Amino acid sequence: MEFFTESMDYFVSHVVHGGFHVHVASLIFCVIIGIFLLQTASKVVFRIIARNNDELYNLLREICAGTPTLLGILGGIYVAQESLAIPPHPAAFLEHIFHAILIMTIALVVAHMASGYLKYKLGKSSEQLASTSILVTTIDITVYAIGGLVLLESLGVAISPLLTALGIGGLATALALQDTLANLFSGINTLLSKQVKIGDFVKLSSGEAGHIIDMNWRNTTIKTTTENMIVVPNQKIASSVIINYAQPFAACSILIPIGVGYGSDLDHVEAVTLEVAKKVLLDNEGGAAEFEPLVRYRDFGDYSIHFDVVLRVKTIMDQNYIRHQFIKAIYDRYGKEKIMISVKNAV
C-alpha cells in the first residue's frame, strides 16, 4: 500500500511539475475526458427530460448541438489550469482561450435556443421545422455577430472603430442591396404576421397557387399540385393579394353547377341531389362528413334550370377528388331517376 501511494505521488508530481510536453499531454487528456463525460451526461439528461418522447429528444439535441463538446473543453482547460503548475505566459494564453471558448459557448447556446424555440412555435412537423430558414438564419447571424464583438472586446481589441466602419459600410451596402434587403424584411414580416405560414395552401393575385414549403432570406418556394416548384420573391408575396385556403380553417366549400331540363320535378331533383351529395361526403376520404350539403336554384337558362350544389371538403387539395366522385354519382343517380341533365345541342 505504501509503495502504491509513493508511486502515485511520484506520478502526480511529474505531471504537475513536468515540462511542456507533459503539460500539453495532460491538457489534451483532461479535454478528452471532459468531452466524453459531458457528451454522455447530456444524452442521459435529455432522455430523462424527454421521457421516451423522440420529438422532444431530437429538439433538445438540436438546441444543444455542440454545447456538450464546448463545455467539455472548458472543463478540461479549467481542471488543467487548477491542477498543473503552468508557467505564467502559457497560463495567460490558456486563460484567453478559456474566455474565448466560454463566449463561443454562450453565443452557441443562445442562438440554438432562440432558433429552436422559433421552430417549435412556427410548426411542430419535421417539414415545418426544416423550413423556417429565413428567421433562423437571421437570429443565428445576429447572435454570432454580437458574440464575435464581445469576444474581440475580451481579447483587448477596440471595437468602437470597427462599429463605426461597419456603420458606414452598412449604409453603403444597404443602398447597393435594396432589393435583397427588401426581400429579407418582407419575408420576416410575412412570417411574423402569421397571416401566411409554412404549409399553407395559397393563391396569389398573379395566379400562382400551391403549398408554401420554404421562405428564405430572398424568396418563397411554392409547391404546386402538379409537384412543380414556383420561386417567388418575398417582396412580391408581401405586396400581393393572397387567398389563404388554410386560414382560418383548412376546410372549405365548393360549388358544383348543374342544369336540369324544364318539366323536371324540382323538389324531387333537390331531394335526390342532397341524398347523393351527403353519401359522397360520407363515403369518401376528404369529404366533410358532418356538413349538410345545400342545393340552391339560381336562374332559368335557355335550355335548363340552373342550380348550384354546395359541398364541403377537409382541405382545398380534396376538392378535385370530391368533385370527381360527386359528378359520377349524380350522373348515375339521375339516370336511374329519369332526371334529364339538359345541355345545349350543337347546330
Protein backbone atom coordinates (compact mmCIF):
# COMPACT_ATOMS: atom_id res chain seq x y z
CA MET A 1 0.00 0.00 0.00
CA GLU A 2 2.85 2.37 0.86
CA PHE A 3 4.57 1.53 -2.43
CA PHE A 4 1.37 2.34 -4.35
CA THR A 5 0.99 5.68 -2.54
CA GLU A 6 4.60 6.65 -3.22
CA SER A 7 4.22 5.69 -6.89
CA MET A 8 1.08 7.82 -7.28
CA ASP A 9 2.77 10.77 -5.56
CA TYR A 10 5.74 10.43 -7.92
CA PHE A 11 3.45 10.28 -10.97
CA VAL A 12 1.34 13.27 -9.89
CA SER A 13 4.46 15.29 -9.05
CA HIS A 14 5.92 14.70 -12.51
CA VAL A 15 2.62 15.54 -14.21
CA VAL A 16 2.09 18.73 -12.20
CA HIS A 17 5.67 19.96 -12.40
CA GLY A 18 6.65 18.33 -15.68
CA GLY A 19 7.84 20.02 -18.85
CA PHE A 20 5.93 21.46 -21.78
CA HIS A 21 5.16 18.12 -23.43
CA VAL A 22 3.80 16.71 -20.18
CA HIS A 23 1.53 19.72 -19.68
CA VAL A 24 0.25 19.55 -23.26
CA ALA A 25 -0.46 15.83 -22.96
CA SER A 26 -2.21 16.39 -19.62
CA LEU A 27 -4.29 19.22 -21.10
CA ILE A 28 -5.35 17.07 -24.06
CA PHE A 29 -6.20 14.20 -21.71
CA CYS A 30 -8.33 16.48 -19.49
CA VAL A 31 -10.16 17.88 -22.53
CA ILE A 32 -10.91 14.41 -23.93
CA ILE A 33 -12.20 13.20 -20.58
CA GLY A 34 -14.30 16.37 -20.21
CA ILE A 35 -15.86 15.96 -23.66
CA PHE A 36 -16.62 12.28 -23.04
CA LEU A 37 -18.24 12.93 -19.66
CA LEU A 38 -20.32 15.89 -20.88
CA GLN A 39 -21.47 14.07 -24.03
CA THR A 40 -22.54 11.03 -22.01
CA ALA A 41 -24.22 13.10 -19.29
CA SER A 42 -26.12 15.22 -21.83
CA LYS A 43 -27.61 12.14 -23.53
CA VAL A 44 -28.75 10.75 -20.19
CA VAL A 45 -30.26 14.09 -19.11
CA PHE A 46 -32.04 14.54 -22.46
CA ARG A 47 -33.56 11.06 -22.21
CA ILE A 48 -34.78 11.75 -18.68
CA ILE A 49 -36.34 15.07 -19.71
CA ALA A 50 -37.89 13.70 -22.93
CA ARG A 51 -39.32 10.58 -21.24
CA ASN A 52 -39.42 8.47 -24.43
CA ASN A 53 -40.67 11.43 -26.49
CA ASP A 54 -38.43 11.16 -29.55
CA GLU A 55 -39.59 14.51 -30.95
CA LEU A 56 -38.66 16.35 -27.75
CA TYR A 57 -35.38 14.41 -27.50
CA ASN A 58 -34.38 15.39 -31.05
CA LEU A 59 -35.37 19.01 -30.37
CA LEU A 60 -33.20 19.11 -27.22
CA ARG A 61 -30.27 17.62 -29.12
CA GLU A 62 -30.71 20.19 -31.88
CA ILE A 63 -30.89 23.09 -29.41
CA CYS A 64 -27.80 21.88 -27.51
CA ALA A 65 -25.82 20.70 -30.57
CA GLY A 66 -22.12 21.29 -29.94
CA THR A 67 -22.67 22.61 -26.43
CA PRO A 68 -21.55 19.47 -24.51
CA THR A 69 -18.33 19.40 -26.56
CA LEU A 70 -17.54 23.04 -25.81
CA LEU A 71 -18.41 22.58 -22.13
CA GLY A 72 -16.14 19.52 -22.04
CA ILE A 73 -13.28 21.59 -23.48
CA LEU A 74 -13.94 24.31 -20.89
CA GLY A 75 -13.97 21.76 -18.09
CA GLY A 76 -10.75 20.18 -19.31
CA ILE A 77 -8.98 23.55 -19.53
CA TYR A 78 -10.22 24.54 -16.07
CA VAL A 79 -9.02 21.28 -14.49
CA ALA A 80 -5.65 21.64 -16.22
CA GLN A 81 -5.28 25.24 -15.01
CA GLU A 82 -6.08 24.32 -11.44
CA SER A 83 -4.03 21.11 -11.33
CA LEU A 84 -0.87 21.84 -13.34
CA ALA A 85 1.98 24.19 -12.44
CA ILE A 86 1.87 26.00 -15.78
CA PRO A 87 4.34 28.88 -16.32
CA PRO A 88 2.83 32.42 -16.29
CA HIS A 89 2.87 33.15 -20.06
CA PRO A 90 1.31 29.84 -21.18
CA ALA A 91 -1.16 30.16 -18.30
CA ALA A 92 -2.21 33.62 -19.51
CA PHE A 93 -2.59 32.30 -23.06
CA LEU A 94 -4.67 29.40 -21.76
CA GLU A 95 -6.83 31.87 -19.83
CA HIS A 96 -7.58 33.79 -23.05
CA ILE A 97 -8.52 30.56 -24.78
CA PHE A 98 -10.80 29.66 -21.88
CA HIS A 99 -12.63 33.02 -22.08
CA ALA A 100 -12.90 32.80 -25.88
CA ILE A 101 -14.44 29.31 -25.76
CA LEU A 102 -16.76 30.42 -22.94
CA ILE A 103 -18.08 33.32 -25.05
CA MET A 104 -18.46 31.00 -28.05
CA THR A 105 -20.38 28.53 -25.91
CA ILE A 106 -22.77 31.19 -24.62
CA ALA A 107 -23.36 32.51 -28.16
CA LEU A 108 -23.97 28.98 -29.46
CA VAL A 109 -26.43 28.15 -26.67
CA VAL A 110 -28.37 31.41 -27.10
CA ALA A 111 -28.54 31.02 -30.90
CA HIS A 112 -29.67 27.39 -30.73
CA MET A 113 -32.24 28.09 -28.00
CA ALA A 114 -33.71 31.05 -29.88
CA SER A 115 -33.87 29.25 -33.22
CA GLY A 116 -35.14 26.03 -31.60
CA TYR A 117 -37.92 27.89 -29.79
CA LEU A 118 -38.82 29.68 -33.01
CA LYS A 119 -39.02 26.42 -34.94
CA TYR A 120 -41.17 24.90 -32.19
CA LYS A 121 -43.59 27.86 -32.26
CA LEU A 122 -43.86 28.09 -36.05
CA GLY A 123 -44.55 24.42 -36.59
CA LYS A 124 -44.18 21.04 -34.99
CA SER A 125 -43.88 18.79 -38.03
CA SER A 126 -40.45 17.84 -39.32
CA GLU A 127 -41.19 19.54 -42.65
CA GLN A 128 -42.11 22.80 -40.98
CA LEU A 129 -39.15 22.60 -38.59
CA ALA A 130 -36.84 22.39 -41.56
CA SER A 131 -38.45 25.25 -43.46
CA THR A 132 -38.11 28.36 -41.29
CA SER A 133 -34.70 29.22 -42.70
CA ILE A 134 -35.17 32.98 -43.00
CA LEU A 135 -35.82 33.67 -39.32
CA VAL A 136 -33.41 31.02 -38.05
CA THR A 137 -30.60 32.36 -40.24
CA THR A 138 -31.30 35.95 -39.19
CA ILE A 139 -31.25 35.04 -35.49
CA ASP A 140 -28.06 32.97 -35.83
CA ILE A 141 -26.21 35.75 -37.68
CA THR A 142 -27.31 38.37 -35.13
CA VAL A 143 -26.31 36.30 -32.08
CA TYR A 144 -22.98 35.22 -33.57
CA ALA A 145 -22.17 38.79 -34.59
CA ILE A 146 -22.79 40.03 -31.04
CA GLY A 147 -20.76 37.12 -29.66
CA GLY A 148 -17.91 37.98 -32.02
CA LEU A 149 -17.87 41.60 -30.86
CA VAL A 150 -17.86 40.53 -27.20
CA LEU A 151 -15.03 38.10 -27.97
CA LEU A 152 -12.93 40.83 -29.61
CA GLU A 153 -13.58 43.13 -26.66
CA SER A 154 -12.47 40.42 -24.22
CA LEU A 155 -9.24 39.95 -26.19
CA GLY A 156 -8.45 43.64 -25.88
CA VAL A 157 -9.42 44.66 -29.42
CA ALA A 158 -11.13 48.07 -29.55
CA ILE A 159 -14.50 47.55 -31.25
CA SER A 160 -15.58 51.23 -31.43
CA PRO A 161 -13.64 51.90 -34.68
CA LEU A 162 -14.94 48.61 -36.03
CA LEU A 163 -18.55 49.57 -35.25
CA THR A 164 -18.04 52.95 -36.93
CA ALA A 165 -16.61 51.27 -40.02
CA LEU A 166 -19.45 48.75 -40.05
CA GLY A 167 -21.99 51.56 -39.79
CA ILE A 168 -20.59 53.39 -42.81
CA GLY A 169 -20.10 50.17 -44.73
CA GLY A 170 -23.59 49.01 -43.79
CA LEU A 171 -25.13 52.19 -45.20
CA ALA A 172 -23.30 51.72 -48.50
CA THR A 173 -24.27 48.04 -48.57
CA ALA A 174 -27.92 48.86 -47.88
CA LEU A 175 -28.00 51.25 -50.83
CA ALA A 176 -26.41 48.66 -53.10
CA LEU A 177 -28.63 45.79 -51.94
CA GLN A 178 -32.03 47.48 -51.73
CA ASP A 179 -33.91 44.66 -53.48
CA THR A 180 -32.21 41.95 -51.41
CA LEU A 181 -32.92 43.74 -48.13
CA ALA A 182 -36.50 44.43 -49.24
CA ASN A 183 -36.98 40.70 -49.83
CA LEU A 184 -35.36 39.88 -46.47
CA PHE A 185 -37.58 42.17 -44.40
CA SER A 186 -40.66 41.30 -46.46
CA GLY A 187 -40.10 37.63 -45.64
CA ILE A 188 -39.57 38.30 -41.94
CA ASN A 189 -42.69 40.50 -41.79
CA THR A 190 -44.78 37.88 -43.60
CA LEU A 191 -43.78 35.10 -41.21
CA LEU A 192 -44.15 37.17 -38.05
CA SER A 193 -47.60 38.42 -39.08
CA LYS A 194 -48.75 34.75 -39.17
CA GLN A 195 -51.20 35.57 -41.96
CA VAL A 196 -49.21 33.18 -44.14
CA LYS A 197 -47.07 30.37 -42.75
CA ILE A 198 -45.15 27.34 -43.89
CA GLY A 199 -47.50 24.59 -45.11
CA ASP A 200 -50.42 26.87 -46.08
CA PHE A 201 -52.08 26.45 -49.46
CA VAL A 202 -52.25 29.90 -51.05
CA LYS A 203 -53.17 31.51 -54.34
CA LEU A 204 -51.53 34.78 -55.41
CA SER A 205 -53.27 37.54 -57.32
CA SER A 206 -50.95 36.73 -60.24
CA GLY A 207 -52.41 33.21 -60.42
CA GLU A 208 -49.71 31.06 -58.79
CA ALA A 209 -51.13 28.54 -56.31
CA GLY A 210 -49.73 25.80 -54.09
CA HIS A 211 -48.29 24.94 -50.69
CA ILE A 212 -45.65 27.21 -49.17
CA ILE A 213 -42.76 24.87 -48.37
CA ASP A 214 -39.99 27.35 -47.58
CA MET A 215 -39.30 31.04 -47.12
CA ASN A 216 -35.63 32.02 -47.06
CA TRP A 217 -33.88 35.40 -46.96
CA ARG A 218 -34.64 36.15 -50.62
CA ASN A 219 -37.62 34.18 -51.94
CA THR A 220 -40.56 31.94 -51.14
CA THR A 221 -40.89 28.45 -52.61
CA ILE A 222 -44.39 27.27 -53.53
CA LYS A 223 -45.11 23.65 -54.44
CA THR A 224 -47.98 23.30 -56.91
CA THR A 225 -50.48 20.44 -57.12
CA THR A 226 -48.51 19.13 -60.13
CA GLU A 227 -45.37 18.78 -57.94
CA ASN A 228 -43.64 21.75 -59.60
CA MET A 229 -41.79 24.44 -57.66
CA ILE A 230 -42.53 28.14 -58.04
CA VAL A 231 -39.94 30.57 -56.66
CA VAL A 232 -41.47 33.96 -55.81
CA PRO A 233 -39.53 36.96 -54.39
CA ASN A 234 -40.59 37.76 -50.83
CA GLN A 235 -41.34 41.35 -51.81
CA LYS A 236 -43.95 40.12 -54.30
CA ILE A 237 -45.51 37.90 -51.62
CA ALA A 238 -45.80 40.87 -49.26
CA SER A 239 -47.39 43.12 -51.89
CA SER A 240 -49.74 40.55 -53.47
CA VAL A 241 -53.38 39.90 -52.72
CA ILE A 242 -53.30 36.35 -51.34
CA ILE A 243 -56.10 33.84 -50.87
CA ASN A 244 -55.07 31.59 -47.98
CA TYR A 245 -57.08 28.37 -48.11
CA ALA A 246 -55.63 27.15 -44.80
CA GLN A 247 -56.84 30.04 -42.62
CA PRO A 248 -58.81 30.46 -40.51
CA PHE A 249 -59.83 26.84 -41.22
CA ALA A 250 -58.46 24.29 -43.65
CA ALA A 251 -61.95 23.08 -44.59
CA CYS A 252 -63.63 24.94 -47.45
CA SER A 253 -66.81 24.83 -49.53
CA ILE A 254 -67.01 24.06 -53.24
CA LEU A 255 -69.81 24.84 -55.70
CA ILE A 256 -70.78 22.44 -58.48
CA PRO A 257 -73.15 23.91 -61.11
CA ILE A 258 -75.82 21.63 -62.64
CA GLY A 259 -78.71 22.19 -65.04
CA VAL A 260 -81.90 20.09 -65.37
CA GLY A 261 -84.45 20.23 -68.14
CA TYR A 262 -87.71 22.14 -67.97
CA GLY A 263 -90.55 19.95 -66.76
CA SER A 264 -88.42 18.35 -64.03
CA ASP A 265 -89.89 18.00 -60.54
CA LEU A 266 -87.62 20.47 -58.71
CA ASP A 267 -88.45 19.14 -55.25
CA HIS A 268 -87.57 15.63 -56.36
CA VAL A 269 -84.38 16.88 -58.03
CA GLU A 270 -83.35 18.66 -54.83
CA ALA A 271 -84.04 15.62 -52.62
CA VAL A 272 -82.12 13.24 -54.89
CA THR A 273 -79.20 15.64 -55.25
CA LEU A 274 -78.91 16.17 -51.48
CA GLU A 275 -79.02 12.43 -50.86
CA VAL A 276 -76.23 11.78 -53.36
CA ALA A 277 -74.15 14.70 -52.05
CA LYS A 278 -74.40 13.51 -48.45
CA LYS A 279 -73.41 9.97 -49.42
CA VAL A 280 -70.37 11.24 -51.34
CA LEU A 281 -69.18 13.24 -48.32
CA LEU A 282 -69.66 10.27 -46.01
CA ASP A 283 -68.08 7.61 -48.20
CA ASN A 284 -65.01 9.41 -49.49
CA GLU A 285 -61.85 10.48 -47.68
CA GLY A 286 -61.54 14.24 -47.89
CA GLY A 287 -65.24 14.99 -47.59
CA ALA A 288 -66.52 16.86 -44.52
CA ALA A 289 -68.93 14.19 -43.26
CA GLU A 290 -70.55 16.49 -40.68
CA PHE A 291 -71.51 19.09 -43.30
CA GLU A 292 -75.08 19.24 -44.64
CA PRO A 293 -74.95 19.80 -48.43
CA LEU A 294 -77.01 22.58 -49.98
CA VAL A 295 -78.90 22.95 -53.25
CA ARG A 296 -79.67 26.47 -54.46
CA TYR A 297 -81.58 27.12 -57.67
CA ARG A 298 -80.01 30.05 -59.46
CA ASP A 299 -81.74 31.04 -62.71
CA PHE A 300 -83.67 29.99 -65.79
CA GLY A 301 -81.43 29.23 -68.74
CA ASP A 302 -82.31 28.85 -72.40
CA TYR A 303 -82.43 25.06 -72.15
CA SER A 304 -82.34 24.26 -68.43
CA ILE A 305 -82.92 25.42 -64.89
CA HIS A 306 -79.54 26.15 -63.28
CA PHE A 307 -78.64 25.42 -59.68
CA ASP A 308 -75.53 25.01 -57.52
CA VAL A 309 -74.65 22.15 -55.19
CA VAL A 310 -72.58 23.23 -52.17
CA LEU A 311 -70.22 20.60 -50.73
CA ARG A 312 -67.53 20.90 -48.09
CA VAL A 313 -64.06 19.34 -48.18
CA LYS A 314 -61.45 18.97 -45.45
CA THR A 315 -58.76 20.81 -47.40
CA ILE A 316 -58.54 22.60 -50.73
CA MET A 317 -56.48 19.66 -52.01
CA ASP A 318 -59.53 17.38 -51.68
CA GLN A 319 -61.82 19.44 -53.91
CA ASN A 320 -60.95 17.80 -57.25
CA TYR A 321 -61.41 14.27 -55.92
CA ILE A 322 -64.74 15.04 -54.22
CA ARG A 323 -65.97 16.90 -57.31
CA HIS A 324 -64.95 13.90 -59.43
CA GLN A 325 -66.80 11.43 -57.19
CA PHE A 326 -69.92 13.60 -56.98
CA ILE A 327 -70.23 14.09 -60.75
CA LYS A 328 -70.01 10.33 -61.35
CA ALA A 329 -72.51 9.56 -58.58
CA ILE A 330 -75.03 12.25 -59.59
CA TYR A 331 -74.91 11.26 -63.27
CA ASP A 332 -75.59 7.63 -62.39
CA ARG A 333 -78.42 8.50 -59.97
CA TYR A 334 -80.08 10.98 -62.33
CA GLY A 335 -80.12 8.26 -64.99
CA LYS A 336 -81.91 5.87 -62.62
CA GLU A 337 -84.39 8.58 -61.54
CA LYS A 338 -85.08 9.66 -65.15
CA ILE A 339 -83.91 13.21 -64.40
CA MET A 340 -82.73 14.89 -67.58
CA ILE A 341 -79.48 16.87 -67.42
CA SER A 342 -80.12 19.46 -70.08
CA VAL A 343 -77.35 20.66 -72.40
CA LYS A 344 -77.34 22.95 -75.41
CA ASN A 345 -77.35 20.98 -78.65
CA ALA A 346 -74.77 21.96 -81.24
CA VAL A 347 -76.27 23.28 -84.51
